[in-house]
Amino acid sequence: MKKTKETVRKILRKIYTGLGLTTVALVFQACYGTPQAMGLDVLIRGVVKSKTSKDPIEGIKVSAKNVYQYEMTDSAGNFQFYVPQDEICTIELDDIDGAENGSYSSREISVNLSKDKIDLGDIFLDDAE
């Protein structure tokens, strides 16, 4: 009888230990998010400007094809975001705010992701017809 109680205690101790570790892991994930592979992302940045006036354009949606994130250009036409490291990435620029800041044609740019930071510099968009 004494041996059975001891065996039950050992089993319960292992179960409680497992539950405790699982709880710690879930709390960590809730506070800090899912762990990501560090150092494998590439920063892409640039400035979107009008081809005719050379002025920066606010409100252009800049995204990477097949990546579910995007950035909107600020009042100075700046954008920056991270993409997973791959050989080549296609950047899409779309005017989604209509005529609010002028109308501009969409554009795609292929980018070689050989570095951890890519500065595309000035990107010029044509006025939409």
Protein backbone atom coordinates (compact mmCIF):
# COMPACT_ATOMS: atom_id res chain seq x y z
CA MET A 1 0.00 0.00 0.00
CA LYS A 2 2.82 2.36 0.90
CA LYS A 3 4.60 1.59 -2.40
CA THR A 4 1.41 2.34 -4.37
CA LYS A 5 1.02 5.76 -2.71
CA GLU A 6 4.65 6.58 -3.50
CA THR A 7 4.18 5.59 -7.15
CA VAL A 8 1.03 7.72 -7.42
CA ARG A 9 2.90 10.70 -5.90
CA LYS A 10 5.73 10.35 -8.44
CA ILE A 11 3.25 10.20 -11.32
CA LEU A 12 1.33 13.23 -10.03
CA ARG A 13 4.60 15.15 -9.51
CA LYS A 14 5.57 14.51 -13.15
CA ILE A 15 2.15 15.59 -14.38
CA TYR A 16 2.26 18.81 -12.33
CA THR A 17 5.79 19.55 -13.53
CA GLY A 18 4.70 19.11 -17.15
CA LEU A 19 1.67 21.34 -16.64
CA GLY A 20 3.81 23.97 -14.95
CA LEU A 21 6.31 24.06 -17.81
CA THR A 22 3.48 24.25 -20.35
CA THR A 23 1.94 27.16 -18.45
CA VAL A 24 5.26 29.02 -18.40
CA ALA A 25 5.66 28.51 -22.16
CA LEU A 26 2.13 29.79 -22.87
CA VAL A 27 2.59 32.86 -20.66
CA PHE A 28 5.92 33.63 -22.36
CA GLN A 29 4.29 33.38 -25.79
CA ALA A 30 1.37 35.56 -24.70
CA CYS A 31 3.73 38.27 -23.41
CA TYR A 32 6.45 38.18 -26.05
CA GLY A 33 4.84 36.54 -29.10
CA THR A 34 5.92 33.55 -31.10
CA PRO A 35 9.70 33.28 -31.38
CA GLN A 36 11.00 34.38 -34.78
CA ALA A 37 14.19 33.50 -36.60
CA MET A 38 16.46 36.42 -35.79
CA GLY A 39 18.82 37.81 -38.37
CA LEU A 40 17.06 36.26 -41.36
CA ASP A 41 14.98 39.29 -42.31
CA VAL A 42 15.96 42.04 -44.72
CA LEU A 43 15.09 45.71 -44.17
CA ILE A 44 13.80 47.41 -47.32
CA ARG A 45 13.38 51.17 -47.38
CA GLY A 46 12.94 53.94 -49.88
CA VAL A 47 11.18 57.18 -50.80
CA VAL A 48 8.26 57.35 -53.24
CA LYS A 49 8.06 60.49 -55.37
CA SER A 50 6.08 61.83 -58.29
CA LYS A 51 7.90 61.47 -61.60
CA THR A 52 6.59 64.81 -62.88
CA SER A 53 6.89 67.07 -59.81
CA LYS A 54 9.62 65.15 -57.92
CA ASP A 55 7.58 65.73 -54.72
CA PRO A 56 7.17 62.93 -52.16
CA ILE A 57 3.88 61.03 -52.26
CA GLU A 58 1.98 60.18 -49.09
CA GLY A 59 -0.43 57.23 -48.90
CA ILE A 60 1.18 54.78 -51.33
CA LYS A 61 0.84 51.14 -50.28
CA VAL A 62 4.25 49.44 -50.51
CA SER A 63 4.28 45.66 -50.12
CA ALA A 64 6.31 42.60 -50.96
CA LYS A 65 4.61 40.10 -53.24
CA ASN A 66 3.56 36.92 -51.39
CA VAL A 67 4.27 38.51 -47.99
CA TYR A 68 1.22 39.48 -45.96
CA GLN A 69 2.42 42.84 -44.71
CA TYR A 70 2.65 46.30 -46.14
CA GLU A 71 3.61 49.84 -45.25
CA MET A 72 2.01 53.13 -46.24
CA THR A 73 4.31 55.98 -47.22
CA ASP A 74 4.39 58.88 -44.77
CA SER A 75 4.12 62.60 -45.62
CA ALA A 76 7.77 62.60 -46.77
CA GLY A 77 7.16 59.56 -49.03
CA ASN A 78 9.26 57.29 -46.78
CA PHE A 79 8.59 53.61 -46.15
CA GLN A 80 10.45 50.76 -44.54
CA PHE A 81 9.58 47.18 -43.64
CA TYR A 82 11.17 43.78 -43.21
CA VAL A 83 10.79 40.79 -45.52
CA PRO A 84 12.02 37.24 -45.07
CA GLN A 85 15.44 36.69 -46.61
CA ASP A 86 15.13 35.12 -50.04
CA GLU A 87 17.05 35.50 -53.29
CA ILE A 88 14.69 37.92 -55.04
CA CYS A 89 11.66 39.86 -53.84
CA THR A 90 9.10 41.79 -55.89
CA ILE A 91 8.06 45.10 -54.33
CA GLU A 92 4.63 46.40 -55.33
CA LEU A 93 3.66 50.08 -55.12
CA ASP A 94 -0.06 50.87 -55.33
CA ASP A 95 -1.98 54.13 -54.96
CA ILE A 96 -4.95 52.92 -52.92
CA ASP A 97 -6.25 56.24 -51.56
CA GLY A 98 -7.69 57.32 -54.90
CA ALA A 99 -7.27 60.96 -55.89
CA GLU A 100 -6.74 62.16 -52.29
CA ASN A 101 -3.01 62.77 -52.84
CA GLY A 102 -3.12 62.64 -56.63
CA SER A 103 -3.49 59.52 -58.74
CA TYR A 104 -0.45 57.43 -59.60
CA SER A 105 0.17 54.31 -61.64
CA SER A 106 1.12 51.08 -59.88
CA ARG A 107 4.67 49.79 -60.20
CA GLU A 108 6.63 46.62 -59.43
CA ILE A 109 10.35 46.45 -58.63
CA SER A 110 12.48 43.29 -58.39
CA VAL A 111 14.98 43.44 -55.55
CA ASN A 112 17.98 41.18 -54.96
CA LEU A 113 18.04 40.42 -51.23
CA SER A 114 21.77 39.74 -50.91
CA LYS A 115 22.24 42.23 -48.03
CA ASP A 116 20.48 42.65 -44.69
CA LYS A 117 19.48 46.25 -45.57
CA ILE A 118 18.30 47.44 -48.97
CA ASP A 119 17.88 51.16 -49.61
CA LEU A 120 15.94 51.64 -52.84
CA GLY A 121 16.46 55.39 -52.71
CA ASP A 122 13.99 57.51 -54.71
CA ILE A 123 11.27 55.57 -56.52
CA PHE A 124 9.33 57.59 -59.08
CA LEU A 125 5.69 56.90 -59.98
CA ASP A 126 3.97 58.12 -63.13
CA ASP A 127 0.76 60.12 -62.87
CA ALA A 128 -2.27 57.96 -63.63
CA GLU A 129 -4.13 58.77 -66.81
